[in-house]
Protein backbone atom coordinates (compact mmCIF):
# COMPACT_ATOMS: atom_id res chain seq x y z
CA MET A 1 127.78 147.14 96.60
CA SER A 2 125.53 145.67 99.31
CA PHE A 3 127.37 143.20 101.86
CA THR A 4 126.52 141.36 104.66
CA ARG A 5 127.12 142.03 108.50
CA LEU A 6 126.12 141.03 111.72
CA GLU A 7 123.23 142.94 112.85
CA HIS A 8 122.78 141.49 116.42
CA PHE A 9 122.52 138.02 118.41
CA ASN A 10 119.83 137.39 121.17
CA ILE A 11 121.03 135.29 123.98
CA THR A 12 119.05 134.19 127.04
CA VAL A 13 120.76 134.72 130.10
CA PRO A 14 120.42 134.25 133.80
CA ASP A 15 121.12 137.93 135.20
CA ILE A 16 120.41 140.64 132.78
CA ASP A 17 122.51 143.11 134.66
CA ALA A 18 125.81 141.04 134.84
CA ALA A 19 125.57 140.61 131.09
CA ILE A 20 125.31 144.47 131.15
CA GLY A 21 128.29 144.70 132.95
CA PHE A 22 130.37 142.19 131.07
CA ILE A 23 129.70 143.95 128.31
CA GLY A 24 130.24 147.49 129.41
CA ILE A 25 134.19 146.07 129.96
CA ILE A 26 134.42 144.55 126.47
CA ALA A 27 132.71 146.83 124.51
CA ALA A 28 132.83 150.26 125.98
CA ASP A 29 131.17 151.69 122.87
CA PHE A 30 128.11 150.01 123.29
CA LYS A 31 125.46 151.32 125.55
CA VAL A 32 122.13 150.24 127.13
CA ARG A 33 119.20 150.96 123.83
CA ARG A 34 116.07 149.82 125.51
CA ASP A 35 115.13 148.06 128.78
CA GLU A 36 112.01 147.13 128.88
CA LEU A 37 109.65 144.44 130.76
CA SER A 38 107.55 142.52 128.59
CA GLU A 39 103.48 141.43 128.73
CA ARG A 40 104.78 137.99 129.19
CA GLY A 41 106.63 139.23 132.37
CA TYR A 42 110.48 139.02 131.29
CA ARG A 43 112.87 141.25 131.36
CA TRP A 44 115.13 141.96 127.85
CA VAL A 45 117.17 144.77 127.01
CA HIS A 46 119.46 145.98 123.18
CA ILE A 47 122.57 146.95 124.49
CA GLY A 48 125.03 148.50 121.54
CA ASN A 49 126.51 151.16 119.00
CA GLU A 50 124.76 152.59 115.72
CA GLN A 51 125.64 149.44 114.06
CA SER A 52 124.72 146.34 116.05
CA TYR A 53 123.73 145.33 119.38
CA ILE A 54 123.22 142.33 121.90
CA ALA A 55 119.91 141.41 122.46
CA LEU A 56 119.69 139.92 126.53
CA GLN A 57 116.81 138.53 127.66
CA GLU A 58 115.69 136.56 130.66
CA PRO A 59 114.32 133.39 130.47
CA TYR A 60 109.96 133.13 130.62
CA PRO A 61 108.99 133.70 134.09
CA GLY A 62 107.67 130.01 135.09
CA ILE A 63 109.41 127.82 132.74
CA GLU A 64 112.22 125.53 133.87
CA SER A 65 115.72 126.63 132.40
CA MET A 66 117.77 124.15 131.25
CA ALA A 67 120.81 123.36 132.30
CA PRO A 68 123.96 125.92 131.41
CA LEU A 69 125.71 125.29 128.04
CA GLU A 70 129.02 123.04 128.27
CA THR A 71 130.92 125.11 125.25
CA TYR A 72 132.06 122.67 122.67
CA ARG A 73 130.36 119.83 124.16
CA ASN A 74 126.84 120.86 123.92
CA LEU A 75 124.83 122.15 120.29
CA GLY A 76 124.49 125.32 120.48
CA VAL A 77 126.82 128.47 120.37
CA ASN A 78 130.45 127.81 121.44
CA HIS A 79 131.34 131.43 122.06
CA ILE A 80 130.73 135.00 120.83
CA GLY A 81 133.46 136.67 119.16
CA LEU A 82 133.78 140.73 119.41
CA VAL A 83 136.28 142.99 117.88
CA ILE A 84 138.04 145.05 120.41
CA GLU A 85 140.26 147.73 120.78
CA ASP A 86 143.37 147.23 123.83
CA ALA A 87 143.23 143.60 124.43
CA ALA A 88 145.69 144.07 127.08
CA ARG A 89 143.24 147.20 129.01
CA VAL A 90 140.46 145.00 128.27
CA GLU A 91 141.88 141.64 129.55
CA LYS A 92 143.45 143.64 132.66
CA LYS A 93 139.83 144.84 133.61
CA LEU A 94 138.21 141.96 133.14
CA LEU A 95 140.32 139.71 135.48
CA ALA A 96 140.45 142.24 138.10
CA LYS A 97 136.51 141.87 138.24
CA GLY A 98 137.14 138.25 138.75
CA TYR A 99 136.16 137.41 135.21
CA LYS A 100 138.01 133.44 134.17
CA PRO A 101 139.95 133.10 130.86
CA ASN A 102 139.91 130.62 128.86
CA GLY A 103 144.02 129.74 128.78
CA PRO A 104 146.90 131.95 127.46
CA MET A 105 146.64 132.28 123.45
CA LEU A 106 149.82 131.79 121.38
CA ALA A 107 151.10 135.33 120.45
CA GLU A 108 150.42 135.98 116.70
CA PRO A 109 151.55 138.68 114.86
CA HIS A 110 148.92 140.59 113.43
CA ARG A 111 146.07 139.74 116.32
CA LYS A 112 145.60 139.43 119.83
CA ARG A 113 142.88 137.08 121.36
CA LEU A 114 141.66 136.61 124.48
CA TYR A 115 139.10 134.40 126.03
CA PHE A 116 136.88 134.56 128.82
CA TYR A 117 133.45 133.52 129.96
CA ASP A 118 131.27 135.49 131.89
CA ARG A 119 129.27 134.93 134.72
CA ALA A 120 126.40 132.91 132.08
CA GLY A 121 129.24 130.77 131.34
CA PHE A 122 129.20 131.86 127.61
CA GLU A 123 132.44 132.33 126.15
CA TRP A 124 133.89 135.50 124.78
CA GLU A 125 136.70 135.62 121.73
CA LEU A 126 138.13 138.77 122.03
CA VAL A 127 139.98 140.05 119.26
CA GLU A 128 142.28 143.44 118.68
CA TYR A 129 143.86 143.57 114.94
CA LEU A 130 147.18 144.60 114.85
CA SER A 131 146.92 144.80 111.14
CA ASP A 132 144.14 146.07 107.96
CA ASN A 133 145.29 143.28 105.55
CA PHE A 134 142.97 140.48 105.30
CA ASP A 135 145.32 138.05 104.68
CA GLU A 136 147.42 138.91 107.93
CA LYS A 137 144.39 139.13 109.84
CA TYR A 138 142.81 135.87 109.06
CA HIS A 139 146.47 133.66 108.86
CA TYR A 140 144.75 130.52 109.31
CA GLU A 141 147.75 128.10 111.00
């Protein structure tokens, strides 16, 4: 049986090393798979595990970058969602490193959700599921 899954997403960030540091906290199993300098002079990195990865790219040299995304106001990505293990541990590490949360979340019986901003201003939704039951995991109310 065939199924669709997300293989990767690609984002342009102002500081690849800062992005790697953030991802290292939220996705401890992700490792740098490739770190290259392109022929055009910008750096790119693939960081992930055997199933999926995040492609990080610097802006092209000599091209002025646009203003940072204003989440939920500009067109584009509002947040990036990842399933994680041990949300309490991840939250503690992010707070200790000075990352800013986007408000407290309501307590839910079958999942724990965190929303944090990385140094570039991207919002990440981090979800720890406490059930394998589809209807409990994705309870929309």
